């Protein structure tokens, strides 16, 4: 096993080890609507994936959880990349507690062992 594989496994294990700190989220990939010549309608498809992720408020104090002045209400979502069959994109969405969030920013670490998304509630 190479170093990258070790990092992928370590990040995945760490998120699993957080127990109830990590949240169950749904990642939704929306395909572009295609015109169906038979129905005369544009039809888009959605594919969903279950994720275990650590969620925090962007701009909150990590120790106290106190929201810092000027916080935008955005959330930071970190999850392991090990085993993913997709690459996050900004036109996808996240479902958390039955609420939909848009993805505003996507970051990854140098080994691509995890993704950190900045999301904002839609509506």
N, C-alpha and C. Protein backbone atom coordinates (compact mmCIF):
# COMPACT_ATOMS: atom_id res chain seq x y z
N UNK A 1 0.85 -1.17 0.00
CA UNK A 1 0.00 0.00 0.00
C UNK A 1 0.89 1.23 0.00
N UNK A 2 0.60 2.17 -0.89
CA UNK A 2 1.36 3.39 -0.99
C UNK A 2 0.89 4.43 0.02
N UNK A 3 1.60 5.53 0.07
CA UNK A 3 1.28 6.61 1.00
C UNK A 3 -0.11 7.18 0.74
N UNK A 4 -0.45 7.39 -0.53
CA UNK A 4 -1.77 7.94 -0.85
C UNK A 4 -2.88 7.01 -0.37
N UNK A 5 -2.73 5.71 -0.57
CA UNK A 5 -3.74 4.76 -0.10
C UNK A 5 -3.85 4.78 1.42
N UNK A 6 -2.72 4.93 2.10
CA UNK A 6 -2.73 5.01 3.56
C UNK A 6 -3.48 6.26 4.02
N UNK A 7 -3.27 7.38 3.34
CA UNK A 7 -3.97 8.62 3.68
C UNK A 7 -5.47 8.50 3.42
N UNK A 8 -5.84 7.90 2.29
CA UNK A 8 -7.27 7.69 1.99
C UNK A 8 -7.93 6.88 3.09
N UNK A 9 -7.29 5.81 3.51
CA UNK A 9 -7.84 4.96 4.56
C UNK A 9 -7.90 5.68 5.90
N UNK A 10 -6.86 6.46 6.21
CA UNK A 10 -6.81 7.18 7.49
C UNK A 10 -7.94 8.21 7.60
N UNK A 11 -8.17 8.97 6.54
CA UNK A 11 -9.23 9.99 6.56
C UNK A 11 -10.59 9.32 6.68
N UNK A 12 -10.80 8.27 5.92
CA UNK A 12 -12.08 7.55 5.97
C UNK A 12 -12.32 6.98 7.36
N UNK A 13 -11.30 6.39 7.96
CA UNK A 13 -11.41 5.83 9.31
C UNK A 13 -11.67 6.92 10.35
N UNK A 14 -11.01 8.07 10.19
CA UNK A 14 -11.18 9.16 11.14
C UNK A 14 -12.61 9.68 11.14
N UNK A 15 -13.20 9.83 9.97
CA UNK A 15 -14.59 10.32 9.90
C UNK A 15 -15.54 9.29 10.49
N UNK A 16 -15.30 8.02 10.22
CA UNK A 16 -16.13 6.96 10.80
C UNK A 16 -15.99 6.95 12.31
N UNK A 17 -14.78 7.17 12.82
CA UNK A 17 -14.51 7.13 14.25
C UNK A 17 -15.17 8.27 15.02
N UNK A 18 -15.57 9.33 14.33
CA UNK A 18 -16.21 10.45 15.03
C UNK A 18 -17.60 10.10 15.52
N UNK A 19 -18.11 8.96 15.10
CA UNK A 19 -19.42 8.51 15.59
C UNK A 19 -20.53 9.47 15.26
N UNK A 20 -21.22 9.93 16.30
CA UNK A 20 -22.39 10.79 16.07
C UNK A 20 -22.03 12.23 15.76
N UNK A 21 -20.74 12.57 15.75
CA UNK A 21 -20.34 13.93 15.33
C UNK A 21 -20.54 14.08 13.83
N UNK A 22 -20.18 13.04 13.09
CA UNK A 22 -20.39 13.06 11.64
C UNK A 22 -21.88 12.90 11.35
N UNK A 23 -22.34 13.61 10.34
CA UNK A 23 -23.76 13.59 9.98
C UNK A 23 -23.98 12.79 8.70
N UNK A 24 -25.18 12.25 8.57
CA UNK A 24 -25.58 11.58 7.34
C UNK A 24 -26.16 12.64 6.40
N UNK A 25 -25.57 12.78 5.23
CA UNK A 25 -26.02 13.74 4.22
C UNK A 25 -26.31 13.00 2.93
N UNK A 26 -27.05 13.65 2.06
CA UNK A 26 -27.29 13.11 0.73
C UNK A 26 -26.68 14.04 -0.29
N UNK A 27 -25.84 13.49 -1.15
CA UNK A 27 -25.22 14.24 -2.23
C UNK A 27 -26.05 13.98 -3.48
N UNK A 28 -26.47 15.05 -4.16
CA UNK A 28 -27.33 14.92 -5.32
C UNK A 28 -26.63 15.46 -6.56
N UNK A 29 -26.50 14.58 -7.55
CA UNK A 29 -25.93 14.98 -8.84
C UNK A 29 -27.07 15.13 -9.82
N UNK A 30 -27.16 16.31 -10.41
CA UNK A 30 -28.21 16.58 -11.40
C UNK A 30 -27.58 16.61 -12.79
N UNK A 31 -28.14 15.84 -13.68
CA UNK A 31 -27.65 15.86 -15.05
C UNK A 31 -28.38 16.96 -15.81
N UNK A 32 -27.77 17.44 -16.86
CA UNK A 32 -28.41 18.46 -17.69
C UNK A 32 -29.68 17.89 -18.30
N UNK A 33 -30.69 18.72 -18.37
CA UNK A 33 -31.96 18.30 -18.96
C UNK A 33 -31.76 18.03 -20.45
N UNK A 34 -32.29 16.92 -20.88
CA UNK A 34 -32.23 16.56 -22.30
C UNK A 34 -33.64 16.57 -22.86
N UNK A 35 -33.74 17.03 -24.07
CA UNK A 35 -35.05 17.09 -24.72
C UNK A 35 -35.45 15.70 -25.21
N UNK A 36 -36.63 15.27 -24.79
CA UNK A 36 -37.18 13.98 -25.21
C UNK A 36 -38.11 14.24 -26.39
N UNK A 37 -37.73 13.77 -27.57
CA UNK A 37 -38.52 14.06 -28.76
C UNK A 37 -39.89 13.38 -28.73
N UNK A 38 -40.03 12.32 -27.96
CA UNK A 38 -41.31 11.61 -27.90
C UNK A 38 -42.32 12.30 -26.97
N UNK A 39 -41.83 12.81 -25.83
CA UNK A 39 -42.75 13.46 -24.89
C UNK A 39 -42.81 14.97 -25.11
N UNK A 40 -41.80 15.52 -25.79
CA UNK A 40 -41.77 16.97 -26.01
C UNK A 40 -41.33 17.73 -24.77
N UNK A 41 -40.74 17.04 -23.79
CA UNK A 41 -40.33 17.68 -22.54
C UNK A 41 -38.83 17.54 -22.34
N UNK A 42 -38.29 18.47 -21.55
CA UNK A 42 -36.90 18.36 -21.11
C UNK A 42 -36.90 17.56 -19.82
N UNK A 43 -36.09 16.53 -19.78
CA UNK A 43 -36.05 15.68 -18.59
C UNK A 43 -34.64 15.61 -18.04
N UNK A 44 -34.50 15.98 -16.77
CA UNK A 44 -33.22 15.88 -16.08
C UNK A 44 -33.30 14.70 -15.11
N UNK A 45 -32.16 14.12 -14.83
CA UNK A 45 -32.14 13.02 -13.86
C UNK A 45 -31.30 13.42 -12.66
N UNK A 46 -31.61 12.80 -11.53
CA UNK A 46 -30.85 13.01 -10.31
C UNK A 46 -30.33 11.68 -9.82
N UNK A 47 -29.08 11.67 -9.40
CA UNK A 47 -28.49 10.49 -8.78
C UNK A 47 -28.07 10.89 -7.38
N UNK A 48 -28.44 10.10 -6.39
CA UNK A 48 -28.13 10.44 -5.00
C UNK A 48 -27.12 9.47 -4.40
N UNK A 49 -26.31 10.00 -3.50
CA UNK A 49 -25.31 9.22 -2.79
C UNK A 49 -25.36 9.57 -1.30
N UNK A 50 -25.27 8.57 -0.46
CA UNK A 50 -25.23 8.80 0.99
C UNK A 50 -23.79 9.12 1.39
N UNK A 51 -23.64 10.14 2.23
CA UNK A 51 -22.32 10.56 2.72
C UNK A 51 -22.33 10.64 4.24
N UNK A 52 -21.20 10.35 4.84
CA UNK A 52 -20.96 10.61 6.25
C UNK A 52 -19.98 11.77 6.27
N UNK A 53 -20.38 12.90 6.87
CA UNK A 53 -19.55 14.10 6.79
C UNK A 53 -19.56 14.86 8.11
N UNK A 54 -18.50 15.61 8.30
CA UNK A 54 -18.41 16.50 9.46
C UNK A 54 -18.84 17.89 8.98
N UNK A 55 -19.85 18.44 9.65
CA UNK A 55 -20.43 19.72 9.25
C UNK A 55 -20.14 20.77 10.32
N UNK A 56 -19.70 21.94 9.89
CA UNK A 56 -19.47 23.04 10.82
C UNK A 56 -19.90 24.35 10.17
N UNK A 57 -20.12 25.34 11.01
CA UNK A 57 -20.53 26.66 10.52
C UNK A 57 -19.28 27.43 10.10
N UNK A 58 -19.30 27.97 8.89
CA UNK A 58 -18.18 28.79 8.41
C UNK A 58 -18.18 30.07 9.23
N UNK A 59 -17.05 30.39 9.82
CA UNK A 59 -16.94 31.60 10.62
C UNK A 59 -17.24 31.39 12.09
N UNK A 60 -17.42 30.14 12.52
CA UNK A 60 -17.66 29.88 13.95
C UNK A 60 -16.34 29.54 14.62
N UNK A 61 -16.24 29.88 15.89
CA UNK A 61 -15.07 29.55 16.68
C UNK A 61 -15.05 28.03 16.87
N UNK A 62 -13.97 27.38 16.47
CA UNK A 62 -13.88 25.92 16.51
C UNK A 62 -14.03 25.37 17.92
N UNK A 63 -13.55 26.08 18.93
CA UNK A 63 -13.60 25.57 20.31
C UNK A 63 -14.95 25.81 20.96
N UNK A 64 -15.50 27.00 20.79
CA UNK A 64 -16.73 27.36 21.50
C UNK A 64 -17.99 27.21 20.67
N UNK A 65 -17.85 27.20 19.35
CA UNK A 65 -19.00 27.13 18.47
C UNK A 65 -19.68 28.48 18.30
N UNK A 66 -19.14 29.50 18.97
CA UNK A 66 -19.70 30.85 18.88
C UNK A 66 -19.52 31.39 17.47
N UNK A 67 -20.59 31.94 16.92
CA UNK A 67 -20.53 32.46 15.55
C UNK A 67 -19.88 33.84 15.57
N UNK A 68 -18.88 33.99 14.74
CA UNK A 68 -18.13 35.22 14.65
C UNK A 68 -18.95 36.24 13.86
N UNK A 69 -18.83 37.50 14.25
CA UNK A 69 -19.52 38.58 13.56
C UNK A 69 -19.20 38.55 12.08
N UNK A 70 -20.19 38.74 11.24
CA UNK A 70 -20.00 38.76 9.80
C UNK A 70 -20.12 37.40 9.15
N UNK A 71 -20.53 36.38 9.90
CA UNK A 71 -20.70 35.04 9.33
C UNK A 71 -21.79 35.08 8.26
N UNK A 72 -21.59 34.33 7.19
CA UNK A 72 -22.51 34.35 6.06
C UNK A 72 -23.64 33.32 6.19
N UNK A 73 -23.56 32.45 7.18
CA UNK A 73 -24.55 31.39 7.30
C UNK A 73 -24.19 30.15 6.50
N UNK A 74 -23.03 30.19 5.87
CA UNK A 74 -22.59 29.04 5.09
C UNK A 74 -22.08 27.94 6.03
N UNK A 75 -22.10 26.72 5.51
CA UNK A 75 -21.61 25.57 6.26
C UNK A 75 -20.41 24.98 5.53
N UNK A 76 -19.53 24.37 6.30
CA UNK A 76 -18.41 23.63 5.76
C UNK A 76 -18.70 22.15 5.95
N UNK A 77 -18.55 21.37 4.90
CA UNK A 77 -18.85 19.94 4.92
C UNK A 77 -17.60 19.19 4.49
N UNK A 78 -17.05 18.36 5.38
CA UNK A 78 -15.86 17.59 5.05
C UNK A 78 -16.18 16.10 5.04
N UNK A 79 -15.77 15.42 3.96
CA UNK A 79 -15.99 13.98 3.87
C UNK A 79 -14.83 13.32 3.14
N UNK A 80 -14.67 12.03 3.39
CA UNK A 80 -13.58 11.27 2.78
C UNK A 80 -13.87 11.02 1.30
N UNK A 81 -12.81 10.99 0.52
CA UNK A 81 -12.98 10.70 -0.91
C UNK A 81 -12.87 9.20 -1.21
N UNK A 82 -12.39 8.43 -0.24
CA UNK A 82 -12.22 6.99 -0.46
C UNK A 82 -13.57 6.34 -0.79
N UNK A 83 -13.61 5.63 -1.88
CA UNK A 83 -14.81 4.91 -2.27
C UNK A 83 -15.83 5.73 -3.06
N UNK A 84 -15.57 7.02 -3.24
CA UNK A 84 -16.52 7.84 -4.00
C UNK A 84 -16.48 7.43 -5.47
N UNK A 85 -17.65 7.44 -6.09
CA UNK A 85 -17.73 7.13 -7.51
C UNK A 85 -18.03 8.39 -8.32
N UNK A 86 -17.90 9.55 -7.68
CA UNK A 86 -18.16 10.83 -8.34
C UNK A 86 -17.14 11.85 -7.87
N UNK A 87 -17.03 12.92 -8.62
CA UNK A 87 -16.20 14.06 -8.23
C UNK A 87 -17.14 15.23 -7.97
N UNK A 88 -17.09 15.83 -6.79
CA UNK A 88 -18.01 16.95 -6.49
C UNK A 88 -17.88 18.09 -7.50
N UNK A 89 -19.04 18.68 -7.80
CA UNK A 89 -19.11 19.83 -8.71
C UNK A 89 -20.05 20.86 -8.11
N UNK A 90 -19.85 22.11 -8.48
CA UNK A 90 -20.64 23.19 -7.90
C UNK A 90 -22.09 23.22 -8.37
N UNK A 91 -22.44 22.50 -9.42
CA UNK A 91 -23.85 22.47 -9.84
C UNK A 91 -24.62 21.33 -9.17
N UNK A 92 -23.96 20.56 -8.29
CA UNK A 92 -24.64 19.52 -7.52
C UNK A 92 -25.20 20.14 -6.25
N UNK A 93 -25.94 19.36 -5.48
CA UNK A 93 -26.52 19.87 -4.23
C UNK A 93 -26.32 18.86 -3.09
N UNK A 94 -26.52 19.36 -1.88
CA UNK A 94 -26.45 18.55 -0.66
C UNK A 94 -27.80 18.65 0.03
N UNK A 95 -28.27 17.52 0.55
CA UNK A 95 -29.49 17.53 1.37
C UNK A 95 -29.07 17.23 2.81
N UNK A 96 -29.43 18.12 3.72
CA UNK A 96 -29.13 17.96 5.15
C UNK A 96 -30.40 18.25 5.93
N UNK A 97 -30.84 17.30 6.72
CA UNK A 97 -32.07 17.47 7.51
C UNK A 97 -33.23 17.93 6.62
N UNK A 98 -33.39 17.32 5.47
CA UNK A 98 -34.46 17.60 4.51
C UNK A 98 -34.37 18.99 3.89
N UNK A 99 -33.26 19.69 4.08
CA UNK A 99 -33.08 21.01 3.49
C UNK A 99 -32.02 20.93 2.40
N UNK A 100 -32.24 21.67 1.32
CA UNK A 100 -31.34 21.64 0.18
C UNK A 100 -30.30 22.75 0.29
N UNK A 101 -29.06 22.41 -0.07
CA UNK A 101 -27.95 23.36 -0.02
C UNK A 101 -27.23 23.36 -1.37
N UNK A 102 -26.84 24.55 -1.81
CA UNK A 102 -26.02 24.65 -3.03
C UNK A 102 -24.56 24.57 -2.62
N UNK A 103 -23.73 24.13 -3.55
CA UNK A 103 -22.30 24.02 -3.29
C UNK A 103 -21.62 25.25 -3.91
N UNK A 104 -20.99 26.05 -3.05
CA UNK A 104 -20.36 27.29 -3.51
C UNK A 104 -18.87 27.16 -3.77
N UNK A 105 -18.23 26.22 -3.05
CA UNK A 105 -16.77 26.10 -3.16
C UNK A 105 -16.39 24.66 -2.86
N UNK A 106 -15.39 24.16 -3.56
CA UNK A 106 -14.90 22.79 -3.36
C UNK A 106 -13.40 22.84 -3.15
N UNK A 107 -12.94 22.29 -2.03
CA UNK A 107 -11.51 22.19 -1.75
C UNK A 107 -11.17 20.73 -1.49
N UNK A 108 -9.93 20.38 -1.71
CA UNK A 108 -9.43 19.05 -1.39
C UNK A 108 -8.02 19.19 -0.84
N UNK A 109 -7.57 18.17 -0.16
CA UNK A 109 -6.21 18.19 0.37
C UNK A 109 -5.24 17.72 -0.72
N UNK A 110 -3.94 17.89 -0.52
CA UNK A 110 -2.96 17.52 -1.56
C UNK A 110 -3.01 16.06 -1.99
N UNK A 111 -3.44 15.16 -1.10
CA UNK A 111 -3.51 13.74 -1.45
C UNK A 111 -4.87 13.35 -2.00
N UNK A 112 -5.79 14.32 -2.09
CA UNK A 112 -7.17 14.05 -2.51
C UNK A 112 -7.83 12.99 -1.64
N UNK A 113 -7.52 13.00 -0.34
CA UNK A 113 -8.09 12.04 0.60
C UNK A 113 -9.43 12.52 1.14
N UNK A 114 -9.69 13.82 1.03
CA UNK A 114 -10.96 14.36 1.52
C UNK A 114 -11.37 15.56 0.68
N UNK A 115 -12.65 15.86 0.76
CA UNK A 115 -13.20 17.07 0.14
C UNK A 115 -13.79 17.93 1.25
N UNK A 116 -13.65 19.23 1.09
CA UNK A 116 -14.32 20.18 1.98
C UNK A 116 -15.13 21.10 1.09
N UNK A 117 -16.44 21.07 1.28
CA UNK A 117 -17.34 21.90 0.48
C UNK A 117 -17.87 23.04 1.34
N UNK A 118 -18.02 24.18 0.74
CA UNK A 118 -18.72 25.29 1.38
C UNK A 118 -20.11 25.32 0.75
N UNK A 119 -21.12 25.20 1.61
CA UNK A 119 -22.49 25.11 1.10
C UNK A 119 -23.37 26.20 1.72
N UNK A 120 -24.43 26.53 1.00
CA UNK A 120 -25.39 27.54 1.48
C UNK A 120 -26.80 27.03 1.24
N UNK A 121 -27.65 27.23 2.22
CA UNK A 121 -29.04 26.78 2.12
C UNK A 121 -29.77 27.48 0.98
N UNK A 122 -30.53 26.69 0.24
CA UNK A 122 -31.30 27.21 -0.89
C UNK A 122 -32.70 27.53 -0.39
N UNK A 123 -33.19 28.72 -0.72
CA UNK A 123 -34.57 29.09 -0.37
C UNK A 123 -34.79 29.67 0.94
